[in-house]
Amino acid sequence: VFIRGQKRDNISIEVDGTKVHGACPNRMDPPTSHILANQVENVEVIEGPYDVTTFGTMSGGLKVTTKKPTKELSGEVTAGVGSWGYRKLGATVSGGNDTIRVLVTGSTETSGQYEDGDGNTLSQQTKNKATMAGNTYQTQYENLDAYEKKSVMAKVFVNVTDDQELRLSYTGNRSENILYPSTPMDAAYDDSNIYSIEYNIANLSDTAKNINLQYYYSDVDHPMDTKYRNARTVIGTNSFYMTNQLQTSMKGLKLKTDFDIDNTKILFGLDGNSRMWQGEKFMTNDISGIRMPSTVSLTHTETDNAAIFAKVEKSFGAIDIQAGARYDSTDITPDDITKNKRSFNALNAHLITTYNLNSASKVFLGFGKASRVPDARELYLVGMNPSSNNNLDQTTNKEIDLGYELQNDSMKFKVKTFYSDLDN
C-alpha cells in the first residue's frame, strides 16, 4: 500500500483495532497480505499525520474493519476463476440470537504463474534476466503453481447486558510455496494468526458514552529458501540449499473512552504494545534433508511502546475544530549486547479546522506532526552487506493540508493539496 508516496513503516495498518506486521525484512508479506478481501467490510484511509489512536501513523494509515456477525441467519458462497489458472472458493455463514452472534468465513485459493506480455511465466522471466543466472528455477520446479493459500476468520459477539458486549475474533492464514522470482528466494510457507478479545460498554452516563478495552495478539512465521532454485552451496560431495526464517509477533492492550460534554466530543485513551522480530539462517542437505546449525540473520529484538492519547471535536457556529495529541515512549532492545539499545520519546499532535460555507460545501485546513521509530530490520539486520544502522533517529513528519469539499444529493467533489516535510 502506498499513501502519498509513503509505504512500509511510514504508514500504519490496523485490522479491527489490532496492529499487524509482516515478518519478512524485504516485505514479501506486507500486513495487508494477512487479511483477505472477502473478509473486509470497509477500509478507512488516513492521509497524513492525523490519527492519534494508532502507534506509527506518521504519513498515513489504513484502518480495516472486517465483517461482523449478524443475528439473522445468512450465508454466501463465492467462487472465482481467472487467468493463469487462478481459482478461489469461499464461504461465509453468520447467525445468532439476542445473546450471542457467530460468524465463520473461510476460503482457499491458488494460482498458476503469471505471464508477462511476451507469454513468459515467472520461471521463464528469471531465465531472461542476466543478473539472476544463479537464481533460476530448477527444471523440475519450473511449472510450479505461484502460491496456495487457505484462510479462516471466526467471530463470536456476546451481549452480556443491553449495553455491554464481549467480542472474540480469530483470523488464520496458511500459505504454501509462494514464488518470488524477482528475489533470490521463495517462501516455503507463510503462516499468520491474529487474535482479539474486546469488551465494549456503551451508555455509561449522560457524559461518558462508551468505553472499550481490547487485547490483541498476532504472529507470523515466514521461512524463505532456495529449495527450488539452481543456487546451491557445495561442501565436498554434499549440496545444500539456504533458508532464512523470519518470525514476528505483536501484542497490545488499548483502552479508549468517549465523552460528550457540552456538545464537545472527547476521546481519551491508553495504548501499550510490544513487537518481537527475529531471524535465523541455516542450510539443509538436498539429499538427506538434514538441517545444519543456524546463524542469526535478524537480531532478536523487542520493541515496547507505551502511549497516552486524546482527541477533541467541537463546533463553533460554522466552524468545526478537531485537535488531537499522542505521547509515545518506546524502548527497542536487541538480544545482542554488542548492539545499541534505543529509547525514543515523541509528541504527536494535529489541528484540523473546517469552515462550512453552506450546508453543501466547506473548506478545511490541517496542521499535523507525527513520528515513527526505526524498526529492528533498519537497526539490527545481520549480513555480509547489512543495510542497518544502530544509530538511526526516529523519523518526524510535519505536514499542512488545505482543501475544499462539495457534497449534495447528486455529486461529491473534493480537492486537496498538502505539503509534507520528513526529517531523518
Protein backbone atom coordinates (compact mmCIF):
# COMPACT_ATOMS: atom_id res chain seq x y z
CA VAL A 1 0.00 0.00 0.00
CA PHE A 2 1.23 3.47 -0.90
CA ILE A 3 -0.27 6.67 0.56
CA ARG A 4 1.08 9.92 -0.84
CA GLY A 5 4.28 8.18 -1.92
CA GLN A 6 4.87 6.69 1.54
CA LYS A 7 4.99 2.95 2.26
CA ARG A 8 6.23 0.30 4.70
CA ASP A 9 6.69 1.62 8.25
CA ASN A 10 5.84 5.20 7.25
CA ILE A 11 2.16 4.20 7.22
CA SER A 12 0.27 2.10 9.77
CA ILE A 13 -2.01 -0.88 9.14
CA GLU A 14 -4.70 -1.76 11.67
CA VAL A 15 -7.28 -4.55 11.36
CA ASP A 16 -10.24 -4.34 13.74
CA GLY A 17 -8.09 -2.37 16.14
CA THR A 18 -5.18 -4.85 16.03
CA LYS A 19 -1.76 -3.73 14.83
CA VAL A 20 -0.47 -6.13 12.18
CA HIS A 21 3.10 -6.57 10.91
CA GLY A 22 4.70 -8.84 8.34
CA ALA A 23 7.79 -10.90 9.19
CA CYS A 24 9.86 -10.56 6.01
CA PRO A 25 12.53 -7.80 6.11
CA ASN A 26 12.02 -7.34 2.33
CA ARG A 27 8.24 -7.02 2.76
CA MET A 28 7.31 -10.18 0.85
CA ASP A 29 4.38 -10.39 3.29
CA PRO A 30 3.09 -6.86 3.88
CA PRO A 31 0.50 -6.51 6.67
CA THR A 32 -2.38 -6.40 4.17
CA SER A 33 -1.45 -9.89 2.91
CA HIS A 34 -2.67 -11.32 6.22
CA ILE A 35 -6.28 -10.28 5.64
CA LEU A 36 -8.46 -11.25 2.66
CA ALA A 37 -10.77 -9.03 0.65
CA ASN A 38 -13.79 -11.30 1.17
CA GLN A 39 -13.44 -10.74 4.95
CA VAL A 40 -13.45 -6.94 4.70
CA GLU A 41 -16.46 -4.74 5.48
CA ASN A 42 -14.82 -1.35 4.89
CA VAL A 43 -11.47 0.43 4.80
CA GLU A 44 -10.73 3.90 6.19
CA VAL A 45 -7.78 5.67 4.58
CA ILE A 46 -5.97 8.25 6.70
CA GLU A 47 -3.99 10.81 4.72
CA GLY A 48 -1.24 12.44 6.75
CA PRO A 49 -0.38 12.51 10.48
CA TYR A 50 -3.99 12.89 11.63
CA ASP A 51 -4.59 9.81 13.78
CA VAL A 52 -3.55 9.65 17.43
CA THR A 53 -5.07 6.27 18.28
CA THR A 54 -2.54 4.09 16.40
CA PHE A 55 1.19 3.75 17.04
CA GLY A 56 3.22 4.77 13.98
CA THR A 57 0.70 6.74 11.91
CA MET A 58 3.30 9.16 10.58
CA SER A 59 2.41 9.77 6.93
CA GLY A 60 -0.93 7.97 6.78
CA GLY A 61 -2.61 4.69 7.54
CA LEU A 62 -5.31 2.13 6.90
CA LYS A 63 -7.98 1.06 9.37
CA VAL A 64 -9.54 -2.14 8.07
CA THR A 65 -12.86 -3.28 9.51
CA THR A 66 -13.87 -6.88 8.84
CA LYS A 67 -17.37 -8.30 8.73
CA LYS A 68 -19.35 -8.56 11.96
CA PRO A 69 -21.69 -11.42 12.92
CA THR A 70 -25.40 -10.81 12.42
CA LYS A 71 -28.37 -12.06 14.41
CA GLU A 72 -30.21 -13.15 11.28
CA LEU A 73 -29.07 -16.45 9.78
CA SER A 74 -27.32 -15.73 6.50
CA GLY A 75 -24.62 -17.15 4.31
CA GLU A 76 -22.91 -16.87 0.97
CA VAL A 77 -20.64 -18.89 -1.25
CA THR A 78 -18.22 -17.17 -3.63
CA ALA A 79 -16.21 -18.65 -6.46
CA GLY A 80 -13.67 -17.01 -8.71
CA VAL A 81 -11.65 -18.05 -11.71
CA GLY A 82 -9.09 -16.06 -13.64
CA SER A 83 -6.17 -16.08 -16.00
CA TRP A 84 -3.14 -18.30 -15.43
CA GLY A 85 -5.08 -20.93 -13.52
CA TYR A 86 -6.39 -18.69 -10.74
CA ARG A 87 -9.03 -20.39 -8.60
CA LYS A 88 -10.75 -19.23 -5.42
CA LEU A 89 -13.59 -20.67 -3.37
CA GLY A 90 -15.00 -19.05 -0.24
CA ALA A 91 -17.95 -19.40 2.11
CA THR A 92 -19.41 -17.32 4.94
CA VAL A 93 -22.13 -18.14 7.45
CA SER A 94 -23.49 -15.90 10.22
CA GLY A 95 -26.30 -16.06 12.70
CA GLY A 96 -27.37 -15.99 16.33
CA ASN A 97 -29.92 -14.58 18.73
CA ASP A 98 -30.28 -11.71 21.19
CA THR A 99 -27.47 -13.09 23.36
CA ILE A 100 -24.84 -14.47 21.01
CA ARG A 101 -23.90 -13.95 17.36
CA VAL A 102 -21.38 -16.01 15.41
CA LEU A 103 -19.65 -15.56 12.07
CA VAL A 104 -17.34 -18.01 10.29
CA THR A 105 -15.76 -17.40 6.90
CA GLY A 106 -13.18 -19.45 5.06
CA SER A 107 -11.53 -19.52 1.67
CA THR A 108 -8.97 -21.37 -0.39
CA GLU A 109 -7.19 -20.09 -3.46
CA THR A 110 -4.37 -20.98 -5.79
CA SER A 111 -2.89 -19.63 -8.98
CA GLY A 112 -0.51 -20.68 -11.69
CA GLN A 113 2.37 -18.45 -12.68
CA TYR A 114 1.62 -15.01 -14.07
CA GLU A 115 2.76 -14.49 -17.67
CA ASP A 116 4.18 -11.22 -18.97
CA GLY A 117 3.23 -9.57 -22.27
CA ASP A 118 5.52 -11.92 -24.19
CA GLY A 119 3.93 -15.00 -22.61
CA ASN A 120 6.84 -15.75 -20.29
CA THR A 121 5.98 -17.39 -16.97
CA LEU A 122 7.66 -16.33 -13.74
CA SER A 123 10.32 -19.03 -14.07
CA GLN A 124 10.97 -18.12 -17.71
CA GLN A 125 11.37 -14.46 -16.75
CA THR A 126 14.22 -15.37 -14.37
CA LYS A 127 15.99 -17.12 -17.25
CA ASN A 128 15.69 -13.98 -19.37
CA LYS A 129 17.24 -11.76 -16.69
CA ALA A 130 21.03 -11.97 -16.95
CA THR A 131 21.58 -10.82 -13.36
CA MET A 132 19.63 -13.83 -11.99
CA ALA A 133 21.78 -16.58 -13.53
CA GLY A 134 22.27 -18.40 -10.22
CA ASN A 135 18.70 -17.82 -9.08
CA THR A 136 16.86 -19.52 -11.94
CA TYR A 137 14.45 -22.35 -11.14
CA GLN A 138 15.48 -25.99 -11.39
CA THR A 139 13.89 -27.77 -14.34
CA GLN A 140 11.59 -29.95 -12.20
CA TYR A 141 10.17 -26.85 -10.46
CA GLU A 142 9.69 -24.54 -13.45
CA ASN A 143 5.92 -25.22 -13.69
CA LEU A 144 5.01 -24.96 -10.02
CA ASP A 145 1.89 -23.01 -9.03
CA ALA A 146 2.66 -19.45 -7.92
CA TYR A 147 1.07 -19.99 -4.47
CA GLU A 148 -1.57 -21.79 -2.43
CA LYS A 149 -3.46 -20.02 0.33
CA LYS A 150 -6.08 -21.01 2.89
CA SER A 151 -7.71 -18.59 5.31
CA VAL A 152 -10.34 -18.68 8.05
CA MET A 153 -11.92 -15.98 10.22
CA ALA A 154 -14.22 -16.64 13.18
CA LYS A 155 -16.01 -14.14 15.42
CA VAL A 156 -18.24 -14.51 18.45
CA PHE A 157 -20.09 -11.49 19.90
CA VAL A 158 -21.82 -11.97 23.26
CA ASN A 159 -24.32 -9.46 24.69
CA VAL A 160 -23.52 -9.57 28.41
CA THR A 161 -26.18 -6.89 29.06
CA ASP A 162 -28.08 -4.49 26.80
CA ASP A 163 -25.13 -2.08 26.86
CA GLN A 164 -22.18 -4.45 27.30
CA GLU A 165 -20.67 -6.71 24.67
CA LEU A 166 -17.80 -9.21 24.62
CA ARG A 167 -16.17 -9.62 21.20
CA LEU A 168 -13.87 -12.53 20.35
CA SER A 169 -12.18 -12.98 16.98
CA TYR A 170 -9.54 -15.10 15.27
CA THR A 171 -8.05 -14.93 11.79
CA GLY A 172 -5.68 -17.57 10.46
CA ASN A 173 -3.78 -17.75 7.18
CA ARG A 174 -1.80 -20.68 5.81
CA SER A 175 0.09 -20.11 2.56
CA GLU A 176 2.48 -22.54 0.89
CA ASN A 177 5.08 -22.50 -1.89
CA ILE A 178 4.86 -18.80 -2.69
CA LEU A 179 7.14 -17.95 -5.61
CA TYR A 180 9.05 -14.66 -5.55
CA PRO A 181 11.06 -14.81 -8.80
CA SER A 182 12.22 -11.18 -8.61
CA THR A 183 14.20 -12.10 -5.47
CA PRO A 184 16.71 -14.92 -4.85
CA MET A 185 14.38 -16.86 -2.50
CA ASP A 186 10.82 -18.20 -2.35
CA ALA A 187 8.64 -18.61 0.73
CA ALA A 188 8.27 -22.23 1.80
CA TYR A 189 5.19 -21.12 3.72
CA ASP A 190 3.73 -18.01 5.29
CA ASP A 191 1.56 -18.63 8.36
CA SER A 192 -0.15 -15.97 10.45
CA ASN A 193 -2.58 -15.82 13.37
CA ILE A 194 -4.49 -12.79 14.66
CA TYR A 195 -6.39 -12.95 17.98
CA SER A 196 -8.52 -10.26 19.60
CA ILE A 197 -10.51 -10.03 22.84
CA GLU A 198 -12.58 -6.88 23.19
CA TYR A 199 -15.03 -5.64 25.82
CA ASN A 200 -17.27 -2.71 24.98
CA ILE A 201 -19.57 -0.78 27.34
CA ALA A 202 -21.97 1.82 25.94
CA ASN A 203 -24.11 4.49 27.59
CA LEU A 204 -22.24 4.64 30.90
CA SER A 205 -23.78 8.01 31.76
CA ASP A 206 -25.01 11.23 30.18
CA THR A 207 -21.41 12.32 29.57
CA ALA A 208 -19.48 9.03 29.33
CA LYS A 209 -20.76 7.50 26.11
CA ASN A 210 -18.53 4.48 25.57
CA ILE A 211 -15.56 2.60 26.96
CA ASN A 212 -13.66 -0.03 25.02
CA LEU A 213 -10.88 -2.34 26.22
CA GLN A 214 -9.07 -4.55 23.72
CA TYR A 215 -6.25 -7.07 23.96
CA TYR A 216 -4.77 -8.47 20.75
CA TYR A 217 -2.00 -10.78 19.65
CA SER A 218 -0.66 -11.64 16.21
CA ASP A 219 2.22 -13.76 14.94
CA VAL A 220 3.78 -14.53 11.57
CA ASP A 221 6.19 -17.31 10.57
CA HIS A 222 7.89 -16.71 7.22
CA PRO A 223 10.75 -19.00 6.06
CA MET A 224 12.33 -18.16 2.69
CA ASP A 225 14.58 -20.65 0.92
CA THR A 226 16.41 -21.53 -2.33
CA LYS A 227 14.99 -25.08 -2.49
CA TYR A 228 13.54 -24.59 -5.97
CA ARG A 229 16.48 -22.59 -7.35
CA ASN A 230 19.74 -23.59 -9.02
CA ALA A 231 21.76 -21.63 -6.45
CA ARG A 232 23.49 -24.14 -4.18
CA THR A 233 26.25 -24.35 -1.61
CA VAL A 234 28.51 -27.35 -2.24
CA ILE A 235 30.65 -28.77 0.58
CA GLY A 236 32.64 -31.81 -0.53
CA THR A 237 30.15 -34.13 -2.22
CA ASN A 238 27.14 -32.59 -0.47
CA SER A 239 24.82 -29.93 -1.86
CA PHE A 240 22.83 -27.58 0.37
CA TYR A 241 20.04 -25.03 -0.06
CA MET A 242 19.72 -21.97 2.18
CA THR A 243 16.76 -20.98 4.38
CA ASN A 244 16.22 -17.61 6.07
CA GLN A 245 13.41 -17.95 8.60
CA LEU A 246 11.84 -14.77 9.97
CA GLN A 247 9.31 -14.61 12.78
CA THR A 248 7.44 -11.73 14.34
CA SER A 249 4.73 -11.33 16.96
CA MET A 250 2.74 -8.36 18.19
CA LYS A 251 0.70 -7.96 21.35
CA GLY A 252 -1.14 -4.93 22.61
CA LEU A 253 -3.64 -3.57 25.11
CA LYS A 254 -5.68 -0.46 24.32
CA LEU A 255 -8.26 1.44 26.39
CA LYS A 256 -10.48 4.07 24.75
CA THR A 257 -13.16 6.19 26.40
CA ASP A 258 -15.60 8.56 24.66
CA PHE A 259 -17.21 11.56 26.37
CA ASP A 260 -19.76 14.13 25.26
CA ILE A 261 -19.61 17.27 27.42
CA ASP A 262 -21.49 20.43 26.38
CA ASN A 263 -21.59 19.28 22.74
CA THR A 264 -17.85 18.61 22.85
CA LYS A 265 -16.73 15.14 21.82
CA ILE A 266 -13.70 13.91 23.73
CA LEU A 267 -11.76 10.70 23.17
CA PHE A 268 -9.18 9.64 25.74
CA GLY A 269 -7.05 6.53 25.61
CA LEU A 270 -4.09 4.50 26.83
CA ASP A 271 -2.09 2.28 24.48
CA GLY A 272 0.60 -0.32 25.15
CA ASN A 273 2.13 -2.73 22.67
CA SER A 274 5.18 -4.93 22.19
CA ARG A 275 6.64 -6.39 18.99
CA MET A 276 9.18 -9.22 18.71
CA TRP A 277 11.13 -9.72 15.48
CA GLN A 278 13.88 -12.24 14.82
CA GLY A 279 15.50 -14.25 12.04
CA GLU A 280 17.92 -17.13 11.54
CA LYS A 281 19.71 -18.66 8.55
CA PHE A 282 20.59 -22.32 8.06
CA MET A 283 21.50 -24.78 5.29
CA THR A 284 19.67 -28.05 4.52
CA ASN A 285 21.18 -31.07 2.77
CA ASP A 286 19.47 -31.68 -0.58
CA ILE A 287 19.57 -35.47 -0.26
CA SER A 288 19.22 -36.26 3.46
CA GLY A 289 17.18 -33.21 4.46
CA ILE A 290 19.43 -32.75 7.50
CA ARG A 291 19.47 -29.18 8.75
CA MET A 292 22.81 -27.59 9.62
CA PRO A 293 23.38 -25.29 12.65
CA SER A 294 21.82 -21.84 12.25
CA THR A 295 23.22 -18.32 12.40
CA VAL A 296 21.45 -15.05 13.19
CA SER A 297 20.07 -13.08 10.25
CA LEU A 298 17.98 -10.59 12.23
CA THR A 299 18.85 -9.99 15.87
CA HIS A 300 16.04 -10.96 18.26
CA THR A 301 14.55 -7.56 19.13
CA GLU A 302 11.76 -6.36 21.41
CA THR A 303 10.09 -3.03 20.62
CA ASP A 304 8.00 -1.87 23.58
CA ASN A 305 5.72 1.14 23.31
CA ALA A 306 3.50 2.92 25.85
CA ALA A 307 1.32 5.89 24.94
CA ILE A 308 -1.42 8.23 26.11
CA PHE A 309 -3.66 9.98 23.60
CA ALA A 310 -6.63 12.33 23.40
CA LYS A 311 -8.82 13.90 20.71
CA VAL A 312 -11.36 16.75 20.96
CA GLU A 313 -14.06 17.76 18.45
CA LYS A 314 -16.06 20.96 18.87
CA SER A 315 -18.22 23.20 16.67
CA PHE A 316 -18.47 26.99 16.93
CA GLY A 317 -21.22 28.06 14.56
CA ALA A 318 -19.96 27.38 11.03
CA ILE A 319 -16.51 26.37 12.26
CA ASP A 320 -15.63 22.80 13.23
CA ILE A 321 -12.41 22.10 15.11
CA GLN A 322 -10.66 18.79 15.72
CA ALA A 323 -7.49 18.59 17.80
CA GLY A 324 -5.54 15.53 18.85
CA ALA A 325 -2.34 14.65 20.68
CA ARG A 326 -0.41 11.48 21.49
CA TYR A 327 2.69 10.97 23.61
CA ASP A 328 4.79 7.86 22.90
CA SER A 329 7.60 6.30 24.90
CA THR A 330 9.37 3.48 23.05
CA ASP A 331 12.25 1.18 24.02
CA ILE A 332 13.95 -1.05 21.43
CA THR A 333 16.03 -3.83 22.96
CA PRO A 334 18.19 -6.28 20.95
CA ASP A 335 19.40 -9.56 22.47
CA ASP A 336 22.89 -8.93 21.10
CA ILE A 337 24.79 -6.96 23.75
CA THR A 338 27.16 -5.59 21.07
CA LYS A 339 24.26 -3.63 19.57
CA ASN A 340 22.84 -0.43 20.99
CA LYS A 341 19.57 -0.39 22.91
CA ARG A 342 17.49 2.59 21.79
CA SER A 343 14.88 4.72 23.54
CA PHE A 344 12.60 7.30 21.91
CA ASN A 345 10.01 9.82 23.07
CA ALA A 346 7.66 11.67 20.76
CA LEU A 347 4.75 14.10 21.00
CA ASN A 348 2.41 13.77 18.03
CA ALA A 349 -0.31 16.36 17.53
CA HIS A 350 -2.68 17.79 14.93
CA LEU A 351 -5.26 20.52 14.46
CA ILE A 352 -7.93 20.49 11.73
CA THR A 353 -10.26 23.45 11.21
CA THR A 354 -13.26 23.32 8.87
CA TYR A 355 -15.34 26.29 7.74
CA ASN A 356 -18.78 25.35 6.42
CA LEU A 357 -19.58 27.78 3.61
CA ASN A 358 -23.11 26.38 3.46
CA SER A 359 -24.87 23.07 4.02
CA ALA A 360 -23.20 21.51 0.97
CA SER A 361 -19.67 22.94 0.80
CA LYS A 362 -16.73 23.59 3.13
CA VAL A 363 -13.06 24.44 3.23
CA PHE A 364 -10.59 22.86 5.64
CA LEU A 365 -7.07 23.45 6.88
CA GLY A 366 -4.98 20.98 8.85
CA PHE A 367 -1.63 21.01 10.63
CA GLY A 368 -0.01 17.81 11.91
CA LYS A 369 3.20 16.40 13.34
CA ALA A 370 3.95 12.73 13.96
CA SER A 371 6.95 10.43 14.35
CA ARG A 372 7.80 6.79 13.91
CA VAL A 373 10.72 4.85 15.37
CA PRO A 374 13.14 2.75 13.28
CA ASP A 375 12.33 -0.96 13.25
CA ALA A 376 14.56 -3.93 14.04
CA ARG A 377 15.41 -4.54 10.39
CA GLU A 378 16.62 -0.97 9.95
CA LEU A 379 18.65 -1.11 13.17
CA TYR A 380 19.98 -4.64 13.52
CA LEU A 381 19.84 -6.63 10.25
CA VAL A 382 22.82 -9.01 10.01
CA GLY A 383 24.59 -9.98 6.76
CA MET A 384 27.58 -9.53 4.51
CA ASN A 385 26.41 -6.04 3.50
CA PRO A 386 23.75 -5.15 6.04
CA SER A 387 21.65 -2.06 5.34
CA SER A 388 21.29 -1.43 9.07
CA ASN A 389 22.43 1.34 11.39
CA ASN A 390 22.29 1.16 15.20
CA ASN A 391 22.20 4.95 15.49
CA LEU A 392 19.17 5.83 13.38
CA ASP A 393 16.93 8.60 14.70
CA GLN A 394 13.15 8.47 14.60
CA THR A 395 11.55 9.98 11.50
CA THR A 396 9.28 13.00 12.02
CA ASN A 397 6.70 14.31 9.58
CA LYS A 398 5.43 17.89 9.72
CA GLU A 399 2.53 18.48 7.38
CA ILE A 400 -0.07 21.02 6.30
CA ASP A 401 -3.24 20.19 4.33
CA LEU A 402 -5.65 22.56 2.59
CA GLY A 403 -8.80 21.56 0.75
CA TYR A 404 -12.34 22.20 -0.46
CA GLU A 405 -15.27 19.78 -0.48
CA LEU A 406 -18.71 19.94 -2.12
CA GLN A 407 -21.33 17.29 -1.44
CA ASN A 408 -25.02 17.26 -2.34
CA ASP A 409 -27.65 14.76 -3.47
CA SER A 410 -26.18 14.43 -6.96
CA MET A 411 -22.43 14.61 -6.52
CA LYS A 412 -19.39 14.77 -4.29
CA PHE A 413 -16.32 16.80 -5.25
CA LYS A 414 -13.16 17.18 -3.21
CA VAL A 415 -9.81 18.81 -3.94
CA LYS A 416 -6.86 18.84 -1.57
CA THR A 417 -3.25 19.98 -1.53
CA PHE A 418 -0.62 19.21 1.08
CA TYR A 419 3.00 19.85 1.96
CA SER A 420 4.89 17.23 3.94
CA ASP A 421 8.39 17.66 5.42
CA LEU A 422 10.10 14.48 6.75
CA ASP A 423 13.26 14.69 8.88
CA ASN A 424 15.73 11.84 9.46
